[in-house]
Amino acid sequence: MTPGSLDFLSELVRVRVGIVLKGEKAFMAETRLGPLARREGLESVEALLIDLRQSRDERLAKAVVEAMTLAETSFFRDPAVFSHIRDVILPALAAARPDGMVRVWCAGCSTGQEAYSIAMLALQAQAAAPNLKIDIIGTDISHRALEKAHSGIFTQFEVQRGLPIRLLLEHFEKAGDTWRVSDRLKQAVRWRQLNLLEDRRSVRAFDLVLCRNVVRYFEPETAKLVLEQMAPALAPDGRLVLGMEETLTASAFEPAESSIRVYRRKRQVSQAAA
């Protein structure tokens, strides 16, 4: 693949979704765009990118960006973080709400493992907080990822990554060579396609926002912008959770549990309209 095509691809992804391609970009492009090139009847990824540069086909551009932005994910990624959410954050939020309803936003949810992990945690947390109810929305820019998340069907390899056997047997059903989440879990989560570069200041309030292993792929200024726009969408006593390798760049937040990347809104941040 030529340097010119790689530069074109990198700029396309950066402008559309704010993600900076790093590492072995040529290998990533070949791996992720190869199937798309074949579906388009083209002989190579290089031919696919040349065709896109010449045609500026919007459908093809969206397909290329989506293929390049499929994120790595797993169930209960960073167990200490999820234990803190279950034992501390969810019970405290439920106790502070008359109806016990905790609204959760999983931003950049990929294929759904994180959102379903939160749903399982909520069921566990009800032992200490019987009034706890959960409403989860998972958003991602990838339509393909959201289709898989909505299906609730995961391979044996996927459920083995972070999901304890007890929870697998409790919340999943065997379906041939795959596993399907229970109706109870599926009903706890809604899915929506969303580009985080869009202005989020008008969204309703959430009590818990997980934006984990997302902003690390953005340029610093883009990461700051995305997080700043999330601040008004967070309830005054709510929590924002980042990935363990991510650094807070937004001045609208301050540490709540800095060792596990949990943050709260600063007092001066105005509340979003519900």
Protein backbone atom coordinates (compact mmCIF):
# COMPACT_ATOMS: atom_id res chain seq x y z
CA MET A 1 0.00 0.00 0.00
CA THR A 2 1.42 3.37 -0.98
CA PRO A 3 2.20 6.10 1.58
CA GLY A 4 -0.23 8.36 -0.25
CA SER A 5 -3.11 5.94 0.27
CA LEU A 6 -2.24 5.52 3.94
CA ASP A 7 -2.15 9.28 4.39
CA PHE A 8 -5.54 9.59 2.67
CA LEU A 9 -7.00 6.88 4.90
CA SER A 10 -5.59 8.40 8.08
CA GLU A 11 -6.95 11.84 7.24
CA LEU A 12 -10.37 10.44 6.30
CA VAL A 13 -10.71 8.69 9.67
CA ARG A 14 -9.34 11.67 11.61
CA VAL A 15 -11.70 14.17 10.01
CA ARG A 16 -14.80 11.95 10.16
CA VAL A 17 -14.51 10.57 13.71
CA GLY A 18 -11.49 12.21 15.34
CA ILE A 19 -9.51 8.98 15.64
CA VAL A 20 -5.78 9.01 14.98
CA LEU A 21 -4.55 5.78 13.44
CA LYS A 22 -1.41 4.56 15.18
CA GLY A 23 0.98 1.64 15.00
CA GLU A 24 1.07 -0.64 11.97
CA LYS A 25 -1.42 1.28 9.86
CA ALA A 26 -0.75 -0.72 6.72
CA PHE A 27 -1.39 -4.02 8.50
CA MET A 28 -4.53 -2.63 10.14
CA ALA A 29 -5.81 -1.36 6.82
CA GLU A 30 -5.19 -4.67 5.04
CA THR A 31 -6.85 -6.64 7.84
CA ARG A 32 -9.91 -4.46 8.26
CA LEU A 33 -10.47 -3.25 4.71
CA GLY A 34 -9.62 -6.46 2.85
CA PRO A 35 -13.13 -7.95 3.27
CA LEU A 36 -14.69 -4.65 2.21
CA ALA A 37 -12.51 -4.50 -0.90
CA ARG A 38 -13.60 -8.01 -1.86
CA ARG A 39 -17.27 -7.18 -1.32
CA GLU A 40 -16.83 -4.18 -3.61
CA GLY A 41 -15.30 -6.41 -6.30
CA LEU A 42 -11.88 -4.77 -6.05
CA GLU A 43 -8.61 -6.64 -6.17
CA SER A 44 -6.88 -4.95 -3.24
CA VAL A 45 -7.20 -2.42 -0.42
CA GLU A 46 -5.03 -0.08 -2.47
CA ALA A 47 -7.57 -0.29 -5.30
CA LEU A 48 -10.36 0.38 -2.81
CA LEU A 49 -8.70 3.56 -1.53
CA ILE A 50 -7.88 4.75 -5.04
CA ASP A 51 -11.50 4.23 -6.04
CA LEU A 52 -12.68 6.17 -3.00
CA ARG A 53 -10.26 9.04 -3.63
CA GLN A 54 -11.53 9.34 -7.18
CA SER A 55 -15.25 8.79 -6.66
CA ARG A 56 -15.74 10.41 -3.23
CA ASP A 57 -18.57 7.91 -2.80
CA GLU A 58 -20.21 8.75 0.55
CA ARG A 59 -21.52 5.22 1.06
CA LEU A 60 -18.05 3.78 0.54
CA ALA A 61 -16.43 6.43 2.75
CA LYS A 62 -18.76 5.52 5.63
CA ALA A 63 -18.03 1.81 5.15
CA VAL A 64 -14.26 2.43 5.20
CA VAL A 65 -14.42 4.57 8.34
CA GLU A 66 -16.66 2.06 10.10
CA ALA A 67 -14.32 -0.81 9.29
CA MET A 68 -11.35 1.15 10.63
CA THR A 69 -13.02 2.12 13.90
CA LEU A 70 -14.11 -1.26 15.26
CA ALA A 71 -12.74 -1.17 18.81
CA GLU A 72 -11.22 -3.85 21.02
CA THR A 73 -13.50 -4.74 23.94
CA SER A 74 -14.28 -7.47 26.46
CA PHE A 75 -16.53 -8.24 29.39
CA PHE A 76 -15.56 -6.65 32.74
CA ARG A 77 -12.41 -5.07 31.34
CA ASP A 78 -10.34 -3.93 34.36
CA PRO A 79 -12.18 -5.86 37.12
CA ALA A 80 -11.28 -3.38 39.91
CA VAL A 81 -13.19 -0.65 38.09
CA PHE A 82 -16.32 -2.77 37.73
CA SER A 83 -16.13 -3.91 41.36
CA HIS A 84 -16.09 -0.25 42.42
CA ILE A 85 -19.06 0.52 40.20
CA ARG A 86 -21.01 -2.40 41.68
CA ASP A 87 -20.10 -1.92 45.34
CA VAL A 88 -19.87 1.88 45.61
CA ILE A 89 -21.15 3.90 42.68
CA LEU A 90 -24.41 2.14 41.78
CA PRO A 91 -25.70 1.78 45.39
CA ALA A 92 -24.84 5.44 46.18
CA LEU A 93 -26.55 6.74 43.07
CA ALA A 94 -29.65 4.60 43.65
CA ALA A 95 -29.90 5.75 47.29
CA ALA A 96 -29.81 9.40 46.18
CA ARG A 97 -32.75 8.97 43.79
CA PRO A 98 -36.35 8.62 45.03
CA ASP A 99 -37.19 6.04 42.38
CA GLY A 100 -33.78 4.31 42.52
CA MET A 101 -33.34 4.76 38.76
CA VAL A 102 -29.72 5.06 37.60
CA ARG A 103 -29.23 6.18 34.00
CA VAL A 104 -26.03 4.97 32.35
CA TRP A 105 -24.38 6.02 29.10
CA CYS A 106 -21.75 3.69 27.60
CA ALA A 107 -20.05 5.92 25.04
CA GLY A 108 -18.12 4.05 22.38
CA CYS A 109 -19.76 0.79 23.43
CA SER A 110 -18.43 -1.23 20.47
CA THR A 111 -20.08 -4.68 20.35
CA GLY A 112 -21.83 -4.33 23.70
CA GLN A 113 -19.74 -6.23 26.25
CA GLU A 114 -19.33 -3.21 28.52
CA ALA A 115 -23.03 -2.32 28.56
CA TYR A 116 -24.02 -5.91 29.29
CA SER A 117 -21.38 -6.02 32.03
CA ILE A 118 -23.02 -3.01 33.68
CA ALA A 119 -26.43 -4.68 33.43
CA MET A 120 -25.05 -7.75 35.21
CA LEU A 121 -23.46 -5.56 37.88
CA ALA A 122 -26.77 -3.84 38.53
CA LEU A 123 -28.43 -7.18 39.24
CA GLN A 124 -25.63 -8.02 41.69
CA ALA A 125 -25.81 -4.59 43.33
CA GLN A 126 -29.52 -5.02 44.05
CA ALA A 127 -28.56 -7.27 46.96
CA ALA A 128 -27.26 -4.18 48.78
CA ALA A 129 -29.58 -1.69 47.08
CA PRO A 130 -32.99 -3.33 46.49
CA ASN A 131 -34.47 -0.13 45.05
CA LEU A 132 -31.83 0.06 42.29
CA LYS A 133 -33.17 0.20 38.75
CA ILE A 134 -30.99 0.59 35.68
CA ASP A 135 -31.46 2.24 32.29
CA ILE A 136 -28.48 1.82 29.97
CA ILE A 137 -27.86 3.34 26.56
CA GLY A 138 -24.91 2.18 24.50
CA THR A 139 -23.69 4.37 21.65
CA ASP A 140 -21.10 3.80 18.98
CA ILE A 141 -20.28 5.19 15.57
CA SER A 142 -20.19 1.72 14.03
CA HIS A 143 -23.52 0.41 12.76
CA ARG A 144 -21.99 -3.06 12.40
CA ALA A 145 -20.82 -3.08 16.03
CA LEU A 146 -24.26 -1.98 17.23
CA GLU A 147 -25.97 -4.72 15.24
CA LYS A 148 -23.87 -7.31 17.05
CA ALA A 149 -24.48 -5.62 20.41
CA HIS A 150 -28.24 -5.61 19.80
CA SER A 151 -28.20 -9.29 18.81
CA GLY A 152 -26.65 -10.19 22.15
CA ILE A 153 -24.88 -13.15 20.54
CA PHE A 154 -21.23 -13.80 21.38
CA THR A 155 -18.71 -16.46 20.44
CA GLN A 156 -17.08 -18.83 22.89
CA PHE A 157 -13.87 -16.80 22.59
CA GLU A 158 -15.70 -13.57 23.42
CA VAL A 159 -17.44 -14.88 26.53
CA GLN A 160 -14.19 -16.38 27.79
CA ARG A 161 -12.61 -12.92 27.81
CA GLY A 162 -13.42 -11.55 31.26
CA LEU A 163 -16.81 -13.17 31.88
CA PRO A 164 -16.86 -15.43 34.99
CA ILE A 165 -18.37 -18.84 34.37
CA ARG A 166 -21.01 -18.25 37.06
CA LEU A 167 -22.30 -15.13 35.28
CA LEU A 168 -22.11 -16.85 31.91
CA LEU A 169 -24.39 -19.64 33.09
CA GLU A 170 -26.69 -17.23 34.92
CA HIS A 171 -27.20 -14.66 32.17
CA PHE A 172 -26.53 -16.46 28.87
CA GLU A 173 -28.06 -19.32 26.93
CA LYS A 174 -26.09 -21.69 24.72
CA ALA A 175 -27.07 -21.31 21.09
CA GLY A 176 -25.13 -23.79 18.97
CA ASP A 177 -21.53 -22.63 18.95
CA THR A 178 -22.43 -19.24 20.44
CA TRP A 179 -23.96 -17.73 23.59
CA ARG A 180 -27.01 -15.44 23.70
CA VAL A 181 -27.68 -12.92 26.50
CA SER A 182 -30.86 -13.36 28.50
CA ASP A 183 -33.95 -11.30 27.76
CA ARG A 184 -33.55 -9.64 31.14
CA LEU A 185 -30.17 -8.22 30.14
CA LYS A 186 -31.31 -7.25 26.66
CA GLN A 187 -34.23 -5.29 28.07
CA ALA A 188 -31.87 -3.23 30.24
CA VAL A 189 -29.93 -1.78 27.29
CA ARG A 190 -30.84 0.42 24.33
CA TRP A 191 -28.51 1.08 21.41
CA ARG A 192 -27.96 4.18 19.32
CA GLN A 193 -25.53 5.16 16.58
CA LEU A 194 -23.62 8.28 17.57
CA ASN A 195 -20.50 10.18 16.55
CA LEU A 196 -18.85 11.60 19.69
CA LEU A 197 -17.60 14.58 17.70
CA GLU A 198 -21.17 15.81 17.58
CA ASP A 199 -22.19 18.44 20.14
CA ARG A 200 -23.54 16.58 23.19
CA ARG A 201 -24.60 19.60 25.25
CA SER A 202 -28.31 19.09 24.58
CA VAL A 203 -28.58 15.45 25.76
CA ARG A 204 -30.49 14.58 28.91
CA ALA A 205 -28.70 13.94 32.18
CA PHE A 206 -26.98 10.65 32.99
CA ASP A 207 -25.89 9.41 36.40
CA LEU A 208 -22.98 7.33 35.17
CA VAL A 209 -21.02 7.84 31.95
CA LEU A 210 -18.47 5.28 30.79
CA CYS A 211 -16.15 6.53 28.08
CA ARG A 212 -13.48 3.89 28.47
CA ASN A 213 -10.64 3.28 26.02
CA VAL A 214 -12.17 5.74 23.58
CA VAL A 215 -10.50 9.14 23.90
CA ARG A 216 -7.03 7.56 23.89
CA TYR A 217 -7.43 7.26 20.11
CA PHE A 218 -8.20 10.96 19.66
CA GLU A 219 -5.86 13.87 19.25
CA PRO A 220 -5.41 15.69 22.61
CA GLU A 221 -7.58 18.65 21.65
CA THR A 222 -10.30 16.38 20.27
CA ALA A 223 -10.26 14.26 23.44
CA LYS A 224 -10.61 17.41 25.54
CA LEU A 225 -13.52 18.65 23.44
CA VAL A 226 -15.38 15.33 23.63
CA LEU A 227 -15.02 15.14 27.41
CA GLU A 228 -15.95 18.79 27.97
CA GLN A 229 -19.15 18.25 25.99
CA MET A 230 -20.00 15.27 28.20
CA ALA A 231 -19.84 17.32 31.40
CA PRO A 232 -23.30 18.98 31.13
CA ALA A 233 -24.80 15.57 30.38
CA LEU A 234 -23.69 14.26 33.78
CA ALA A 235 -25.83 14.62 36.90
CA PRO A 236 -24.31 16.78 39.67
CA ASP A 237 -23.52 13.69 41.77
CA GLY A 238 -22.81 11.49 38.75
CA ARG A 239 -19.57 9.80 37.76
CA LEU A 240 -17.47 9.67 34.60
CA VAL A 241 -15.27 6.60 34.11
CA LEU A 242 -12.32 6.56 31.71
CA GLY A 243 -10.01 3.74 30.68
CA MET A 244 -7.11 2.80 32.94
CA GLU A 245 -4.57 4.07 30.41
CA GLU A 246 -6.38 7.32 29.68
CA THR A 247 -5.62 10.76 31.10
CA LEU A 248 -8.26 13.33 31.97
CA THR A 249 -7.80 16.40 29.76
CA ALA A 250 -11.07 18.22 30.48
CA SER A 251 -11.14 20.94 33.12
CA ALA A 252 -14.84 20.32 33.82
CA PHE A 253 -14.05 17.25 35.94
CA GLU A 254 -12.08 16.42 39.06
CA PRO A 255 -10.93 13.06 40.45
CA ALA A 256 -13.31 11.01 42.58
CA GLU A 257 -11.25 7.80 42.52
CA SER A 258 -8.18 8.75 40.51
CA SER A 259 -6.50 5.35 40.90
CA ILE A 260 -9.23 3.76 38.78
CA ARG A 261 -10.00 6.79 36.57
CA VAL A 262 -13.34 7.77 38.12
CA TYR A 263 -14.26 11.46 38.00
CA ARG A 264 -17.04 13.82 39.05
CA ARG A 265 -18.22 17.12 37.64
CA LYS A 266 -16.86 20.32 39.10
CA ARG A 267 -19.55 22.42 40.76
CA GLN A 268 -19.47 25.26 38.24
CA VAL A 269 -20.48 23.07 35.29
CA SER A 270 -24.09 23.82 34.33
CA GLN A 271 -26.58 20.99 34.13
CA ALA A 272 -27.87 19.84 30.72
CA ALA A 273 -31.58 19.91 30.04
CA ALA A 274 -33.14 16.53 30.74
